[in-house]
Protein backbone atom coordinates (compact mmCIF):
# COMPACT_ATOMS: atom_id res chain seq x y z
CA MET A 1 80.62 261.11 135.91
CA THR A 2 79.95 257.92 133.93
CA THR A 3 79.13 260.02 130.75
CA SER A 4 82.68 260.94 130.40
CA LEU A 5 84.29 257.62 131.09
CA TRP A 6 84.17 256.89 127.43
CA LEU A 7 86.79 259.54 126.91
CA ILE A 8 89.32 257.65 128.73
CA PRO A 9 90.18 255.17 126.01
CA ALA A 10 90.05 257.76 123.42
CA LEU A 11 92.56 259.97 125.31
CA LEU A 12 94.92 257.04 126.21
CA SER A 13 95.19 256.18 122.48
CA MET A 14 96.03 259.62 121.38
CA LEU A 15 99.00 259.44 124.45
CA ALA A 16 100.15 256.02 122.96
CA PRO A 17 103.20 256.07 120.97
CA SER A 18 102.32 255.79 117.27
CA ARG A 19 103.16 252.55 115.63
CA SER A 20 105.54 252.11 112.60
CA ASP A 21 104.26 251.81 109.17
CA CYS A 22 106.84 248.71 108.74
CA PRO A 23 105.26 245.51 107.54
CA PRO A 24 106.04 242.16 109.23
CA PRO A 25 109.53 241.11 107.69
CA GLY A 26 108.00 238.43 105.21
CA GLU A 27 105.92 241.25 103.53
CA LEU A 28 109.10 243.79 103.03
CA TYR A 29 110.10 243.43 99.42
CA GLY A 30 109.73 245.24 96.30
CA GLU A 31 111.11 248.59 95.52
CA ILE A 32 112.92 250.11 98.21
CA LYS A 33 114.42 253.53 98.85
CA VAL A 34 116.86 254.40 101.31
CA VAL A 35 115.91 257.69 103.22
CA GLU A 36 117.66 259.56 106.08
CA SER A 37 114.25 260.34 108.08
CA PHE A 38 110.66 259.47 108.20
CA ALA A 39 111.02 255.92 106.70
CA ASP A 40 108.55 253.24 106.68
CA CYS A 41 110.85 250.93 108.37
CA LYS A 42 114.06 251.27 110.46
CA VAL A 43 116.56 248.58 109.34
CA GLU A 44 119.97 247.31 110.92
CA VAL A 45 122.17 245.16 108.93
CA VAL A 46 123.44 242.21 110.94
CA THR A 47 125.66 239.40 110.15
CA SER A 48 123.49 236.72 112.49
CA PHE A 49 120.22 236.30 113.52
CA PRO A 50 118.40 238.31 111.02
CA ASP A 51 114.59 238.83 111.03
CA LEU A 52 114.76 238.85 107.19
CA ARG A 53 117.63 237.80 104.66
CA VAL A 54 117.86 240.31 101.67
CA LYS A 55 118.98 239.65 98.25
CA LEU A 56 119.57 242.91 96.23
CA VAL A 57 118.09 242.41 92.68
CA ASP A 58 118.03 244.54 89.56
CA ASN A 59 114.51 243.62 88.55
CA PHE A 60 111.30 242.09 89.37
CA ALA A 61 111.60 242.08 93.22
CA GLY A 62 108.43 240.11 93.80
CA ASP A 63 109.42 237.48 96.52
CA PRO A 64 109.91 238.00 100.31
CA GLY A 65 113.52 239.35 100.83
CA GLU A 66 114.05 240.71 97.25
CA TRP A 67 114.81 244.13 97.14
CA GLU A 68 115.25 246.50 94.09
CA MET A 69 116.83 249.86 95.27
CA VAL A 70 115.14 252.70 93.42
CA GLU A 71 115.18 256.50 93.85
CA SER A 72 111.51 257.38 93.15
CA PHE A 73 108.16 255.61 93.29
CA PRO A 74 109.20 253.01 96.11
CA ASP A 75 107.02 250.34 97.74
CA TYR A 76 108.73 250.94 101.15
CA THR A 77 111.28 253.37 102.46
CA VAL A 78 113.87 252.25 104.84
CA GLU A 79 116.31 254.09 107.15
CA PHE A 80 119.44 252.28 108.08
CA VAL A 81 120.03 252.44 112.05
CA THR A 82 122.52 250.85 114.44
CA SER A 83 120.16 250.56 117.23
CA PHE A 84 116.38 250.12 117.93
CA PRO A 85 115.57 248.86 114.44
CA ASP A 86 111.92 247.72 113.32
CA VAL A 87 113.75 244.78 111.26
CA LYS A 88 117.05 243.19 111.32
CA ILE A 89 118.47 242.23 107.92
CA GLU A 90 121.41 240.11 106.75
CA TYR A 91 122.43 240.54 102.81
CA VAL A 92 122.61 237.12 101.16
CA GLU A 93 123.46 235.85 97.57
CA SER A 94 120.97 233.17 97.73
CA PHE A 95 117.87 231.99 99.65
CA PRO A 96 116.31 235.46 100.66
CA GLY A 97 113.31 235.56 102.77
CA VAL A 98 112.38 234.96 106.51
CA GLU A 99 114.53 233.30 108.66
CA ARG A 100 112.98 229.97 109.96
């Protein structure tokens, strides 16, 4: 009986829902591709209380909140949703990054 007790945590971890591949909001920057399924992050666009303020840039998206939209070789893929997001974003023209 005691030899099978080690199986319980292993079985429970298999039954737990898989966690998202979405990084913390402060690490979500770089080349971003929008997809309709199997995204790294599910994102909801909001106008108040965002987790991340996003500025769209044409080149060199190297700071938190800077996104360069690409069609190939993205750093992350995102899917836009209206409920149950991993991250809530707000588009801005200045001061991108994590809301403090």
